[in-house]
Amino acid sequence: MGFQMYIQTRDGRVADGDKNRFLFAWTALPRTLDVMANFGMLTELPTPSAPTLSTHGLAIQDFQPGAQPNLATANRIAAYQDAYRAVLNAAEAEPTGMPVYKLVNNDGFLVTVAEISAALTTYEADASVDIAEMSVGDPTWRNWTAFLRRAQKHGGFRTH
């Protein structure tokens, strides 16, 4: 059990290949988040609320296998799914780093290219960046920063 990060392409599909995913054990992600916080790569924002089924006039039964929704219900389901995706894809207009909630929830929040870029810009401006990525000891940090740079060139990444 842990966190799985998947790079997505600019059109929103999961990028193929092992280099386009990063796996963290439950115990490993907190250590990496501490390093990211020390480099100023993270922002603390509240986790946005997902839309509710009742707001869209829906119930859990509308999503059960074999459910045959009428046209009106099908339209409400589509509107709910669009609203849910909008929450997962939301980002600040001018981010200053990666929101912590997008990394610690496995709901599929999109960490955008702009958020990654802001975090990497802050990180790479630090005088100790070369030491942080030296090829000695545990490779997690240098593998993580390589993953972030790849995600920055594609369409960001999602945490599941």
C-alpha atoms as a PDB file:
ATOM      1  CA  MET A   1       0.000   0.000   0.000  1.00  0.00           C
ATOM      2  CA  GLY A   2       1.215   3.460  -0.750  1.00  0.00           C
ATOM      3  CA  PHE A   3       1.034   6.250  -3.294  1.00  0.00           C
ATOM      4  CA  GLN A   4       1.325   5.809  -7.037  1.00  0.00           C
ATOM      5  CA  MET A   5       2.110   8.817  -9.187  1.00  0.00           C
ATOM      6  CA  TYR A   6       1.415   8.589 -12.914  1.00  0.00           C
ATOM      7  CA  ILE A   7       2.597  11.092 -15.507  1.00  0.00           C
ATOM      8  CA  GLN A   8      -0.118  12.077 -17.898  1.00  0.00           C
ATOM      9  CA  THR A   9       0.222  13.253 -21.459  1.00  0.00           C
ATOM     10  CA  ARG A  10      -0.918  16.732 -22.466  1.00  0.00           C
ATOM     11  CA  ASP A  11      -4.199  15.235 -23.669  1.00  0.00           C
ATOM     12  CA  GLY A  12      -4.855  13.716 -20.226  1.00  0.00           C
ATOM     13  CA  ARG A  13      -3.988  10.066 -20.858  1.00  0.00           C
ATOM     14  CA  VAL A  14      -1.605   8.067 -18.664  1.00  0.00           C
ATOM     15  CA  ALA A  15       1.854   8.075 -20.249  1.00  0.00           C
ATOM     16  CA  ASP A  16       3.222   4.623 -21.106  1.00  0.00           C
ATOM     17  CA  GLY A  17       6.373   3.197 -19.556  1.00  0.00           C
ATOM     18  CA  ASP A  18       7.822   2.503 -16.140  1.00  0.00           C
ATOM     19  CA  LYS A  19       9.708   5.826 -16.086  1.00  0.00           C
ATOM     20  CA  ASN A  20       6.340   7.576 -16.134  1.00  0.00           C
ATOM     21  CA  ARG A  21       5.236   6.279 -12.762  1.00  0.00           C
ATOM     22  CA  PHE A  22       6.629   6.679  -9.284  1.00  0.00           C
ATOM     23  CA  LEU A  23       5.695   4.554  -6.297  1.00  0.00           C
ATOM     24  CA  PHE A  24       5.973   5.636  -2.671  1.00  0.00           C
ATOM     25  CA  ALA A  25       5.397   3.369   0.308  1.00  0.00           C
ATOM     26  CA  TRP A  26       3.178   4.872   3.019  1.00  0.00           C
ATOM     27  CA  THR A  27       6.289   5.360   5.136  1.00  0.00           C
ATOM     28  CA  ALA A  28       8.460   6.898   2.388  1.00  0.00           C
ATOM     29  CA  LEU A  29       6.274   9.747   1.147  1.00  0.00           C
ATOM     30  CA  PRO A  30       6.398  11.715   4.444  1.00  0.00           C
ATOM     31  CA  ARG A  31      10.222  11.802   4.301  1.00  0.00           C
ATOM     32  CA  THR A  32      10.130  13.116   0.733  1.00  0.00           C
ATOM     33  CA  LEU A  33       7.507  15.707   1.663  1.00  0.00           C
ATOM     34  CA  ASP A  34       9.798  16.894   4.479  1.00  0.00           C
ATOM     35  CA  VAL A  35      12.631  17.403   1.989  1.00  0.00           C
ATOM     36  CA  MET A  36      10.285  19.176  -0.419  1.00  0.00           C
ATOM     37  CA  ALA A  37       9.078  21.453   2.378  1.00  0.00           C
ATOM     38  CA  ASN A  38      12.683  22.257   3.348  1.00  0.00           C
ATOM     39  CA  PHE A  39      13.380  23.307  -0.254  1.00  0.00           C
ATOM     40  CA  GLY A  40      10.175  25.412  -0.369  1.00  0.00           C
ATOM     41  CA  MET A  41       8.555  23.261  -3.057  1.00  0.00           C
ATOM     42  CA  LEU A  42       5.177  22.803  -1.342  1.00  0.00           C
ATOM     43  CA  THR A  43       2.156  25.000  -0.704  1.00  0.00           C
ATOM     44  CA  GLU A  44      -0.483  24.465   1.949  1.00  0.00           C
ATOM     45  CA  LEU A  45      -3.932  24.818   0.432  1.00  0.00           C
ATOM     46  CA  PRO A  46      -7.215  23.391   1.695  1.00  0.00           C
ATOM     47  CA  THR A  47      -8.395  20.208   0.027  1.00  0.00           C
ATOM     48  CA  PRO A  48     -11.298  21.166  -2.229  1.00  0.00           C
ATOM     49  CA  SER A  49     -14.659  19.561  -1.652  1.00  0.00           C
ATOM     50  CA  ALA A  50     -15.939  17.119  -4.203  1.00  0.00           C
ATOM     51  CA  PRO A  51     -19.445  17.660  -5.555  1.00  0.00           C
ATOM     52  CA  THR A  52     -22.156  15.675  -3.848  1.00  0.00           C
ATOM     53  CA  LEU A  53     -24.536  13.293  -5.529  1.00  0.00           C
ATOM     54  CA  SER A  54     -27.545  14.975  -3.936  1.00  0.00           C
ATOM     55  CA  THR A  55     -26.557  18.377  -5.360  1.00  0.00           C
ATOM     56  CA  HIS A  56     -26.897  16.814  -8.799  1.00  0.00           C
ATOM     57  CA  GLY A  57     -30.163  15.030  -7.972  1.00  0.00           C
ATOM     58  CA  LEU A  58     -28.440  11.658  -7.887  1.00  0.00           C
ATOM     59  CA  ALA A  59     -28.202   8.718  -5.504  1.00  0.00           C
ATOM     60  CA  ILE A  60     -25.717   5.863  -5.212  1.00  0.00           C
ATOM     61  CA  GLN A  61     -28.272   3.588  -6.924  1.00  0.00           C
ATOM     62  CA  ASP A  62     -27.775   5.590 -10.133  1.00  0.00           C
ATOM     63  CA  PHE A  63     -24.228   4.214 -10.318  1.00  0.00           C
ATOM     64  CA  GLN A  64     -24.932   0.572  -9.500  1.00  0.00           C
ATOM     65  CA  PRO A  65     -24.024  -2.073 -12.079  1.00  0.00           C
ATOM     66  CA  GLY A  66     -26.949  -2.704 -14.373  1.00  0.00           C
ATOM     67  CA  ALA A  67     -28.603   0.674 -13.678  1.00  0.00           C
ATOM     68  CA  GLN A  68     -30.430   1.941 -16.758  1.00  0.00           C
ATOM     69  CA  PRO A  69     -30.719   5.711 -16.275  1.00  0.00           C
ATOM     70  CA  ASN A  70     -33.235   7.670 -18.293  1.00  0.00           C
ATOM     71  CA  LEU A  71     -31.968  10.604 -20.385  1.00  0.00           C
ATOM     72  CA  ALA A  72     -32.443  13.176 -17.609  1.00  0.00           C
ATOM     73  CA  THR A  73     -30.541  11.027 -15.094  1.00  0.00           C
ATOM     74  CA  ALA A  74     -27.810  10.293 -17.630  1.00  0.00           C
ATOM     75  CA  ASN A  75     -27.386  14.051 -18.151  1.00  0.00           C
ATOM     76  CA  ARG A  76     -27.150  14.621 -14.376  1.00  0.00           C
ATOM     77  CA  ILE A  77     -24.555  11.829 -14.129  1.00  0.00           C
ATOM     78  CA  ALA A  78     -22.501  13.464 -16.880  1.00  0.00           C
ATOM     79  CA  ALA A  79     -22.750  16.856 -15.149  1.00  0.00           C
ATOM     80  CA  TYR A  80     -21.678  15.301 -11.835  1.00  0.00           C
ATOM     81  CA  GLN A  81     -18.693  13.572 -13.487  1.00  0.00           C
ATOM     82  CA  ASP A  82     -17.656  16.847 -15.166  1.00  0.00           C
ATOM     83  CA  ALA A  83     -17.870  18.687 -11.831  1.00  0.00           C
ATOM     84  CA  TYR A  84     -15.847  15.952 -10.107  1.00  0.00           C
ATOM     85  CA  ARG A  85     -13.128  16.073 -12.810  1.00  0.00           C
ATOM     86  CA  ALA A  86     -13.015  19.863 -12.496  1.00  0.00           C
ATOM     87  CA  VAL A  87     -12.195  19.526  -8.782  1.00  0.00           C
ATOM     88  CA  LEU A  88      -9.450  16.975  -9.510  1.00  0.00           C
ATOM     89  CA  ASN A  89      -7.949  19.204 -12.226  1.00  0.00           C
ATOM     90  CA  ALA A  90      -8.246  22.568 -10.447  1.00  0.00           C
ATOM     91  CA  ALA A  91      -5.133  24.660  -9.853  1.00  0.00           C
ATOM     92  CA  GLU A  92      -4.207  28.184  -8.851  1.00  0.00           C
ATOM     93  CA  ALA A  93      -3.674  30.613 -11.723  1.00  0.00           C
ATOM     94  CA  GLU A  94      -0.118  31.369 -10.548  1.00  0.00           C
ATOM     95  CA  PRO A  95       1.076  28.528  -8.327  1.00  0.00           C
ATOM     96  CA  THR A  96       4.095  28.876  -6.061  1.00  0.00           C
ATOM     97  CA  GLY A  97       4.629  25.135  -5.634  1.00  0.00           C
ATOM     98  CA  MET A  98       2.828  21.824  -5.378  1.00  0.00           C
ATOM     99  CA  PRO A  99      -0.180  21.697  -3.045  1.00  0.00           C
ATOM    100  CA  VAL A 100       0.408  19.102  -0.338  1.00  0.00           C
ATOM    101  CA  TYR A 101      -3.159  17.782  -0.573  1.00  0.00           C
ATOM    102  CA  LYS A 102      -2.539  16.695  -4.188  1.00  0.00           C
ATOM    103  CA  LEU A 103       0.361  14.511  -3.066  1.00  0.00           C
ATOM    104  CA  VAL A 104      -1.094  12.937   0.089  1.00  0.00           C
ATOM    105  CA  ASN A 105      -4.522  12.006  -1.301  1.00  0.00           C
ATOM    106  CA  ASN A 106      -4.823   9.097  -3.676  1.00  0.00           C
ATOM    107  CA  ASP A 107      -7.948  10.477  -5.368  1.00  0.00           C
ATOM    108  CA  GLY A 108      -6.244  11.347  -8.645  1.00  0.00           C
ATOM    109  CA  PHE A 109      -5.668  15.077  -8.171  1.00  0.00           C
ATOM    110  CA  LEU A 110      -3.696  16.565 -11.067  1.00  0.00           C
ATOM    111  CA  VAL A 111      -0.375  18.157 -10.156  1.00  0.00           C
ATOM    112  CA  THR A 112      -0.096  20.560 -13.067  1.00  0.00           C
ATOM    113  CA  VAL A 113       2.924  21.469 -15.145  1.00  0.00           C
ATOM    114  CA  ALA A 114       2.752  24.995 -13.681  1.00  0.00           C
ATOM    115  CA  GLU A 115       2.790  23.637 -10.103  1.00  0.00           C
ATOM    116  CA  ILE A 116       5.716  21.342 -10.885  1.00  0.00           C
ATOM    117  CA  SER A 117       7.573  24.176 -12.626  1.00  0.00           C
ATOM    118  CA  ALA A 118       7.107  26.495  -9.665  1.00  0.00           C
ATOM    119  CA  ALA A 119       8.359  23.821  -7.258  1.00  0.00           C
ATOM    120  CA  LEU A 120      11.374  22.924  -9.395  1.00  0.00           C
ATOM    121  CA  THR A 121      12.283  26.580  -9.927  1.00  0.00           C
ATOM    122  CA  THR A 122      12.389  27.110  -6.168  1.00  0.00           C
ATOM    123  CA  TYR A 123      14.312  23.879  -5.645  1.00  0.00           C
ATOM    124  CA  GLU A 124      16.878  24.531  -8.368  1.00  0.00           C
ATOM    125  CA  ALA A 125      17.575  28.032  -7.013  1.00  0.00           C
ATOM    126  CA  ASP A 126      18.774  26.523  -3.718  1.00  0.00           C
ATOM    127  CA  ALA A 127      22.554  26.443  -3.273  1.00  0.00           C
ATOM    128  CA  SER A 128      22.517  22.814  -2.066  1.00  0.00           C
ATOM    129  CA  VAL A 129      20.671  21.344  -5.057  1.00  0.00           C
ATOM    130  CA  ASP A 130      23.820  19.645  -6.407  1.00  0.00           C
ATOM    131  CA  ILE A 131      24.463  17.945  -3.092  1.00  0.00           C
ATOM    132  CA  ALA A 132      20.841  16.799  -2.834  1.00  0.00           C
ATOM    133  CA  GLU A 133      21.116  14.854  -6.090  1.00  0.00           C
ATOM    134  CA  MET A 134      24.539  13.285  -5.590  1.00  0.00           C
ATOM    135  CA  SER A 135      24.640   9.669  -6.626  1.00  0.00           C
ATOM    136  CA  VAL A 136      25.385   8.236  -3.194  1.00  0.00           C
ATOM    137  CA  GLY A 137      23.084   6.574  -0.700  1.00  0.00           C
ATOM    138  CA  ASP A 138      19.339   6.251  -1.119  1.00  0.00           C
ATOM    139  CA  PRO A 139      18.345   7.123  -4.717  1.00  0.00           C
ATOM    140  CA  THR A 140      14.758   8.096  -3.858  1.00  0.00           C
ATOM    141  CA  TRP A 141      15.288  11.861  -3.976  1.00  0.00           C
ATOM    142  CA  ARG A 142      17.207  11.971  -7.254  1.00  0.00           C
ATOM    143  CA  ASN A 143      14.724   9.519  -8.832  1.00  0.00           C
ATOM    144  CA  TRP A 144      11.836  11.672  -7.583  1.00  0.00           C
ATOM    145  CA  THR A 145      13.294  14.884  -9.002  1.00  0.00           C
ATOM    146  CA  ALA A 146      13.938  13.106 -12.327  1.00  0.00           C
ATOM    147  CA  PHE A 147      10.285  12.009 -12.314  1.00  0.00           C
ATOM    148  CA  LEU A 148       9.170  15.590 -11.630  1.00  0.00           C
ATOM    149  CA  ARG A 149      11.252  16.882 -14.527  1.00  0.00           C
ATOM    150  CA  ARG A 150       9.691  14.278 -16.834  1.00  0.00           C
ATOM    151  CA  ALA A 151       6.186  15.172 -15.624  1.00  0.00           C
ATOM    152  CA  GLN A 152       6.967  18.842 -16.224  1.00  0.00           C
ATOM    153  CA  LYS A 153       7.705  18.062 -19.891  1.00  0.00           C
ATOM    154  CA  HIS A 154       4.467  16.129 -20.326  1.00  0.00           C
ATOM    155  CA  GLY A 155       1.116  17.001 -18.768  1.00  0.00           C
ATOM    156  CA  GLY A 156       1.785  16.802 -15.040  1.00  0.00           C
ATOM    157  CA  PHE A 157       0.958  13.771 -12.888  1.00  0.00           C
ATOM    158  CA  ARG A 158      -1.801  12.291 -10.768  1.00  0.00           C
ATOM    159  CA  THR A 159      -1.538  10.546  -7.393  1.00  0.00           C
ATOM    160  CA  HIS A 160      -3.520   7.343  -6.863  1.00  0.00           C
END
